[in-house]
């Protein structure tokens, strides 16, 4: 039995890429006694089930990496936000509606979540009424984000960490707008406890 933190059915754990949300999501879900699903799995499924013709926004990054790399940091962030809203938000709304209907509790963790997703009054025919919660992990330090990438996957292009830091700033502002708690990734040893406290 997990440790109670709130009456949520669906908890969204978001954050910019390289912020530490995946490392938080796993122990947090264990503490809460609920299953964890990575939004990356949904991305893989969508990419496998569609083509660039079907869903150009989703496939652009992989198929046009050279062009993407020439974009400004702000344009890359704006592109990512569009993917969140236009591709993943409708998918997550349908998934969340199903969880609200069944009452099966779950944590969803990933790069493509936005604070606004917890604010919708309804999901399909299902009222939210606080049953959908969100928590965002923040790592504003571009150098630390780059170090996190290197530890996870080796060398990384500097613009990737820069874009992630800018998206982190956007998410923090959106969390303030939608009254969604933000947990700073560091100090890392206390992040799970701080996340639990934020959910209470």
C-alpha atoms as a PDB file:
ATOM      1  CA  UNK A   1       0.000   0.000   0.000  1.00  0.00           C
ATOM      2  CA  UNK A   2       1.388   3.381  -0.992  1.00  0.00           C
ATOM      3  CA  UNK A   3       1.725   6.454   1.131  1.00  0.00           C
ATOM      4  CA  UNK A   4      -1.256   8.814   0.675  1.00  0.00           C
ATOM      5  CA  UNK A   5      -0.442  12.220  -0.749  1.00  0.00           C
ATOM      6  CA  UNK A   6      -3.737  13.408  -2.216  1.00  0.00           C
ATOM      7  CA  UNK A   7      -6.960  12.133  -3.719  1.00  0.00           C
ATOM      8  CA  UNK A   8      -5.640  12.224  -7.282  1.00  0.00           C
ATOM      9  CA  UNK A   9      -6.420   9.543  -9.827  1.00  0.00           C
ATOM     10  CA  UNK A  10      -3.862  10.765 -12.367  1.00  0.00           C
ATOM     11  CA  UNK A  11      -0.625  12.488 -11.419  1.00  0.00           C
ATOM     12  CA  UNK A  12       1.346  14.161 -14.203  1.00  0.00           C
ATOM     13  CA  UNK A  13       5.070  14.511 -13.494  1.00  0.00           C
ATOM     14  CA  UNK A  14       6.590  16.862 -16.041  1.00  0.00           C
ATOM     15  CA  UNK A  15       9.706  18.858 -16.632  1.00  0.00           C
ATOM     16  CA  UNK A  16      12.164  19.781 -19.328  1.00  0.00           C
ATOM     17  CA  UNK A  17      14.353  17.093 -20.843  1.00  0.00           C
ATOM     18  CA  UNK A  18      17.383  16.446 -18.639  1.00  0.00           C
ATOM     19  CA  UNK A  19      15.788  17.913 -15.507  1.00  0.00           C
ATOM     20  CA  UNK A  20      15.591  14.657 -13.558  1.00  0.00           C
ATOM     21  CA  UNK A  21      11.862  13.942 -13.799  1.00  0.00           C
ATOM     22  CA  UNK A  22      12.336  10.311 -14.885  1.00  0.00           C
ATOM     23  CA  UNK A  23      14.593   9.660 -11.911  1.00  0.00           C
ATOM     24  CA  UNK A  24      11.964  11.236  -9.653  1.00  0.00           C
ATOM     25  CA  UNK A  25       8.956   9.551 -11.266  1.00  0.00           C
ATOM     26  CA  UNK A  26      10.005   5.989 -10.434  1.00  0.00           C
ATOM     27  CA  UNK A  27      10.586   6.345  -6.667  1.00  0.00           C
ATOM     28  CA  UNK A  28       7.641   8.727  -6.353  1.00  0.00           C
ATOM     29  CA  UNK A  29       5.248   6.230  -7.948  1.00  0.00           C
ATOM     30  CA  UNK A  30       6.578   3.517  -5.622  1.00  0.00           C
ATOM     31  CA  UNK A  31       5.998   5.752  -2.592  1.00  0.00           C
ATOM     32  CA  UNK A  32       2.452   6.408  -3.785  1.00  0.00           C
ATOM     33  CA  UNK A  33       1.843   2.725  -4.527  1.00  0.00           C
ATOM     34  CA  UNK A  34       0.703   3.337  -8.101  1.00  0.00           C
ATOM     35  CA  UNK A  35       1.896   2.343 -11.564  1.00  0.00           C
ATOM     36  CA  UNK A  36       4.183   4.616 -13.568  1.00  0.00           C
ATOM     37  CA  UNK A  37       3.806   5.124 -17.321  1.00  0.00           C
ATOM     38  CA  UNK A  38       6.356   7.067 -19.348  1.00  0.00           C
ATOM     39  CA  UNK A  39       4.965   9.445 -21.959  1.00  0.00           C
ATOM     40  CA  UNK A  40       8.022   8.457 -24.031  1.00  0.00           C
ATOM     41  CA  UNK A  41       6.275   5.101 -24.568  1.00  0.00           C
ATOM     42  CA  UNK A  42       3.293   6.935 -26.035  1.00  0.00           C
ATOM     43  CA  UNK A  43       5.678   8.883 -28.283  1.00  0.00           C
ATOM     44  CA  UNK A  44       7.236   5.622 -29.518  1.00  0.00           C
ATOM     45  CA  UNK A  45       3.786   4.164 -30.207  1.00  0.00           C
ATOM     46  CA  UNK A  46       2.623   7.268 -32.073  1.00  0.00           C
ATOM     47  CA  UNK A  47       5.789   7.384 -34.170  1.00  0.00           C
ATOM     48  CA  UNK A  48       5.430   3.684 -35.035  1.00  0.00           C
ATOM     49  CA  UNK A  49       1.735   4.004 -35.917  1.00  0.00           C
ATOM     50  CA  UNK A  50       2.026   7.153 -38.050  1.00  0.00           C
ATOM     51  CA  UNK A  51       4.163   8.599 -40.820  1.00  0.00           C
ATOM     52  CA  UNK A  52       5.417  12.115 -41.375  1.00  0.00           C
ATOM     53  CA  UNK A  53       2.519  12.576 -43.790  1.00  0.00           C
ATOM     54  CA  UNK A  54       0.040  11.609 -41.045  1.00  0.00           C
ATOM     55  CA  UNK A  55       1.630  13.614 -38.234  1.00  0.00           C
ATOM     56  CA  UNK A  56       4.357  15.925 -39.567  1.00  0.00           C
ATOM     57  CA  UNK A  57       4.793  17.825 -36.311  1.00  0.00           C
ATOM     58  CA  UNK A  58       5.728  14.695 -34.371  1.00  0.00           C
ATOM     59  CA  UNK A  59       8.124  13.326 -37.007  1.00  0.00           C
ATOM     60  CA  UNK A  60       9.860  16.591 -37.876  1.00  0.00           C
ATOM     61  CA  UNK A  61      12.676  16.394 -35.334  1.00  0.00           C
ATOM     62  CA  UNK A  62      13.883  12.943 -36.378  1.00  0.00           C
ATOM     63  CA  UNK A  63      13.431  13.434 -40.121  1.00  0.00           C
ATOM     64  CA  UNK A  64      14.783  16.977 -40.393  1.00  0.00           C
ATOM     65  CA  UNK A  65      17.420  17.174 -37.668  1.00  0.00           C
ATOM     66  CA  UNK A  66      19.798  19.281 -39.775  1.00  0.00           C
ATOM     67  CA  UNK A  67      17.135  21.939 -40.352  1.00  0.00           C
ATOM     68  CA  UNK A  68      15.986  21.771 -36.719  1.00  0.00           C
ATOM     69  CA  UNK A  69      19.583  22.369 -35.589  1.00  0.00           C
ATOM     70  CA  UNK A  70      19.702  25.679 -37.480  1.00  0.00           C
ATOM     71  CA  UNK A  71      16.682  27.079 -35.634  1.00  0.00           C
ATOM     72  CA  UNK A  72      16.960  29.629 -32.861  1.00  0.00           C
ATOM     73  CA  UNK A  73      16.542  28.455 -29.268  1.00  0.00           C
ATOM     74  CA  UNK A  74      13.175  30.213 -29.019  1.00  0.00           C
ATOM     75  CA  UNK A  75      11.919  28.539 -32.188  1.00  0.00           C
ATOM     76  CA  UNK A  76      12.921  25.085 -30.910  1.00  0.00           C
ATOM     77  CA  UNK A  77      11.070  25.723 -27.628  1.00  0.00           C
ATOM     78  CA  UNK A  78       7.994  26.957 -29.505  1.00  0.00           C
ATOM     79  CA  UNK A  79       8.096  23.824 -31.673  1.00  0.00           C
ATOM     80  CA  UNK A  80       8.213  21.601 -28.599  1.00  0.00           C
ATOM     81  CA  UNK A  81       5.274  23.439 -27.014  1.00  0.00           C
ATOM     82  CA  UNK A  82       3.277  22.932 -30.229  1.00  0.00           C
ATOM     83  CA  UNK A  83       3.964  19.189 -30.086  1.00  0.00           C
ATOM     84  CA  UNK A  84       2.808  19.131 -26.456  1.00  0.00           C
ATOM     85  CA  UNK A  85      -0.437  20.936 -27.254  1.00  0.00           C
ATOM     86  CA  UNK A  86      -1.309  19.643 -30.700  1.00  0.00           C
ATOM     87  CA  UNK A  87      -0.098  16.037 -30.525  1.00  0.00           C
ATOM     88  CA  UNK A  88       0.094  14.916 -26.911  1.00  0.00           C
ATOM     89  CA  UNK A  89      -2.610  16.965 -25.235  1.00  0.00           C
ATOM     90  CA  UNK A  90      -5.516  15.308 -27.148  1.00  0.00           C
ATOM     91  CA  UNK A  91      -3.992  11.876 -26.567  1.00  0.00           C
ATOM     92  CA  UNK A  92      -3.479  12.497 -22.854  1.00  0.00           C
ATOM     93  CA  UNK A  93      -7.002  13.875 -22.489  1.00  0.00           C
ATOM     94  CA  UNK A  94      -8.433  10.606 -23.825  1.00  0.00           C
ATOM     95  CA  UNK A  95      -6.147   8.487 -21.636  1.00  0.00           C
ATOM     96  CA  UNK A  96      -6.892  10.547 -18.530  1.00  0.00           C
ATOM     97  CA  UNK A  97     -10.654  10.369 -19.187  1.00  0.00           C
ATOM     98  CA  UNK A  98     -10.381   6.587 -19.156  1.00  0.00           C
ATOM     99  CA  UNK A  99      -8.505   6.594 -15.839  1.00  0.00           C
ATOM    100  CA  UNK A 100     -11.042   8.940 -14.301  1.00  0.00           C
ATOM    101  CA  UNK A 101     -13.849   6.642 -15.462  1.00  0.00           C
ATOM    102  CA  UNK A 102     -12.213   3.503 -14.032  1.00  0.00           C
ATOM    103  CA  UNK A 103     -10.633   5.137 -10.969  1.00  0.00           C
ATOM    104  CA  UNK A 104      -7.340   3.335 -11.644  1.00  0.00           C
ATOM    105  CA  UNK A 105      -4.583   5.541 -10.213  1.00  0.00           C
ATOM    106  CA  UNK A 106      -1.448   6.172 -12.212  1.00  0.00           C
ATOM    107  CA  UNK A 107       1.547   8.455 -12.577  1.00  0.00           C
ATOM    108  CA  UNK A 108       2.410   9.686 -16.078  1.00  0.00           C
ATOM    109  CA  UNK A 109       5.901  11.104 -16.507  1.00  0.00           C
ATOM    110  CA  UNK A 110       7.427  12.800 -19.523  1.00  0.00           C
ATOM    111  CA  UNK A 111       8.705  15.724 -21.573  1.00  0.00           C
ATOM    112  CA  UNK A 112       5.432  16.358 -23.391  1.00  0.00           C
ATOM    113  CA  UNK A 113       3.278  17.361 -20.425  1.00  0.00           C
ATOM    114  CA  UNK A 114       2.230  20.934 -19.684  1.00  0.00           C
ATOM    115  CA  UNK A 115       0.890  22.420 -16.416  1.00  0.00           C
ATOM    116  CA  UNK A 116      -2.357  23.389 -18.143  1.00  0.00           C
ATOM    117  CA  UNK A 117      -3.203  19.703 -18.580  1.00  0.00           C
ATOM    118  CA  UNK A 118      -4.125  19.448 -14.898  1.00  0.00           C
ATOM    119  CA  UNK A 119      -6.393  22.491 -15.087  1.00  0.00           C
ATOM    120  CA  UNK A 120      -9.101  21.234 -17.446  1.00  0.00           C
ATOM    121  CA  UNK A 121     -12.503  21.089 -15.763  1.00  0.00           C
ATOM    122  CA  UNK A 122     -13.506  17.939 -17.626  1.00  0.00           C
ATOM    123  CA  UNK A 123     -11.918  15.087 -19.529  1.00  0.00           C
ATOM    124  CA  UNK A 124     -14.523  13.882 -21.978  1.00  0.00           C
ATOM    125  CA  UNK A 125     -17.581  13.236 -19.824  1.00  0.00           C
ATOM    126  CA  UNK A 126     -15.499  12.928 -16.666  1.00  0.00           C
ATOM    127  CA  UNK A 127     -15.226  15.869 -14.232  1.00  0.00           C
ATOM    128  CA  UNK A 128     -11.738  16.656 -13.001  1.00  0.00           C
ATOM    129  CA  UNK A 129     -12.615  18.029  -9.546  1.00  0.00           C
ATOM    130  CA  UNK A 130      -8.995  17.795  -8.418  1.00  0.00           C
ATOM    131  CA  UNK A 131      -8.577  14.182  -9.479  1.00  0.00           C
ATOM    132  CA  UNK A 132      -5.912  15.186 -12.011  1.00  0.00           C
ATOM    133  CA  UNK A 133      -2.837  16.660 -10.357  1.00  0.00           C
ATOM    134  CA  UNK A 134       0.497  17.776 -11.744  1.00  0.00           C
ATOM    135  CA  UNK A 135       3.978  18.264 -10.369  1.00  0.00           C
ATOM    136  CA  UNK A 136       6.895  19.677 -12.330  1.00  0.00           C
ATOM    137  CA  UNK A 137      10.603  19.156 -11.757  1.00  0.00           C
ATOM    138  CA  UNK A 138      12.818  22.154 -12.443  1.00  0.00           C
ATOM    139  CA  UNK A 139      16.501  22.302 -13.259  1.00  0.00           C
ATOM    140  CA  UNK A 140      17.206  25.855 -14.467  1.00  0.00           C
ATOM    141  CA  UNK A 141      20.995  25.450 -14.700  1.00  0.00           C
ATOM    142  CA  UNK A 142      21.986  24.821 -18.319  1.00  0.00           C
ATOM    143  CA  UNK A 143      25.365  23.408 -17.282  1.00  0.00           C
ATOM    144  CA  UNK A 144      23.731  20.914 -14.923  1.00  0.00           C
ATOM    145  CA  UNK A 145      21.286  19.871 -17.652  1.00  0.00           C
ATOM    146  CA  UNK A 146      24.222  19.247 -20.011  1.00  0.00           C
ATOM    147  CA  UNK A 147      25.945  17.200 -17.290  1.00  0.00           C
ATOM    148  CA  UNK A 148      22.743  15.174 -16.827  1.00  0.00           C
ATOM    149  CA  UNK A 149      22.620  14.458 -20.555  1.00  0.00           C
ATOM    150  CA  UNK A 150      26.269  13.384 -20.601  1.00  0.00           C
ATOM    151  CA  UNK A 151      25.754  11.038 -17.659  1.00  0.00           C
ATOM    152  CA  UNK A 152      22.741   9.494 -19.359  1.00  0.00           C
ATOM    153  CA  UNK A 153      23.781   9.273 -22.998  1.00  0.00           C
ATOM    154  CA  UNK A 154      27.309  10.598 -23.565  1.00  0.00           C
ATOM    155  CA  UNK A 155      28.268  13.814 -25.370  1.00  0.00           C
ATOM    156  CA  UNK A 156      25.490  16.254 -26.145  1.00  0.00           C
ATOM    157  CA  UNK A 157      25.194  19.302 -28.386  1.00  0.00           C
ATOM    158  CA  UNK A 158      25.183  22.563 -26.371  1.00  0.00           C
ATOM    159  CA  UNK A 159      21.999  23.841 -28.026  1.00  0.00           C
ATOM    160  CA  UNK A 160      20.068  20.879 -26.641  1.00  0.00           C
ATOM    161  CA  UNK A 161      20.805  21.879 -23.041  1.00  0.00           C
ATOM    162  CA  UNK A 162      20.088  25.525 -23.878  1.00  0.00           C
ATOM    163  CA  UNK A 163      16.687  24.662 -25.332  1.00  0.00           C
ATOM    164  CA  UNK A 164      15.895  22.528 -22.309  1.00  0.00           C
ATOM    165  CA  UNK A 165      16.794  25.358 -19.910  1.00  0.00           C
ATOM    166  CA  UNK A 166      14.515  27.742 -21.827  1.00  0.00           C
ATOM    167  CA  UNK A 167      11.680  25.216 -21.745  1.00  0.00           C
ATOM    168  CA  UNK A 168      12.271  24.847 -18.005  1.00  0.00           C
ATOM    169  CA  UNK A 169      11.755  28.601 -17.613  1.00  0.00           C
ATOM    170  CA  UNK A 170       8.555  28.414 -19.660  1.00  0.00           C
ATOM    171  CA  UNK A 171       7.251  25.554 -17.506  1.00  0.00           C
ATOM    172  CA  UNK A 172       7.993  27.400 -14.249  1.00  0.00           C
ATOM    173  CA  UNK A 173       6.033  30.414 -15.489  1.00  0.00           C
ATOM    174  CA  UNK A 174       3.143  28.180 -16.564  1.00  0.00           C
ATOM    175  CA  UNK A 175       3.162  26.400 -13.203  1.00  0.00           C
ATOM    176  CA  UNK A 176       2.772  29.778 -11.488  1.00  0.00           C
ATOM    177  CA  UNK A 177      -0.066  30.626 -13.870  1.00  0.00           C
ATOM    178  CA  UNK A 178      -1.955  27.383 -13.200  1.00  0.00           C
ATOM    179  CA  UNK A 179      -1.019  27.014  -9.522  1.00  0.00           C
ATOM    180  CA  UNK A 180       0.890  23.781 -10.132  1.00  0.00           C
ATOM    181  CA  UNK A 181       3.700  22.897  -7.707  1.00  0.00           C
ATOM    182  CA  UNK A 182       7.316  22.975  -8.846  1.00  0.00           C
ATOM    183  CA  UNK A 183      10.010  20.900  -7.173  1.00  0.00           C
ATOM    184  CA  UNK A 184      13.626  21.862  -7.746  1.00  0.00           C
ATOM    185  CA  UNK A 185      15.725  18.884  -8.762  1.00  0.00           C
ATOM    186  CA  UNK A 186      18.516  19.732  -6.336  1.00  0.00           C
ATOM    187  CA  UNK A 187      19.403  18.848  -3.691  1.00  0.00           C
ATOM    188  CA  UNK A 188      18.702  15.477  -5.259  1.00  0.00           C
ATOM    189  CA  UNK A 189      18.654  13.286  -2.084  1.00  0.00           C
ATOM    190  CA  UNK A 190      15.581  15.157  -0.782  1.00  0.00           C
ATOM    191  CA  UNK A 191      13.614  15.507  -4.034  1.00  0.00           C
ATOM    192  CA  UNK A 192      11.163  12.653  -3.347  1.00  0.00           C
ATOM    193  CA  UNK A 193      10.339  13.990   0.108  1.00  0.00           C
ATOM    194  CA  UNK A 194       9.881  17.485  -1.292  1.00  0.00           C
ATOM    195  CA  UNK A 195       7.635  16.136  -4.050  1.00  0.00           C
ATOM    196  CA  UNK A 196       5.509  14.281  -1.486  1.00  0.00           C
ATOM    197  CA  UNK A 197       5.222  17.449   0.596  1.00  0.00           C
ATOM    198  CA  UNK A 198       4.168  19.457  -2.476  1.00  0.00           C
ATOM    199  CA  UNK A 199       1.420  16.933  -3.251  1.00  0.00           C
ATOM    200  CA  UNK A 200       0.064  17.027   0.288  1.00  0.00           C
END
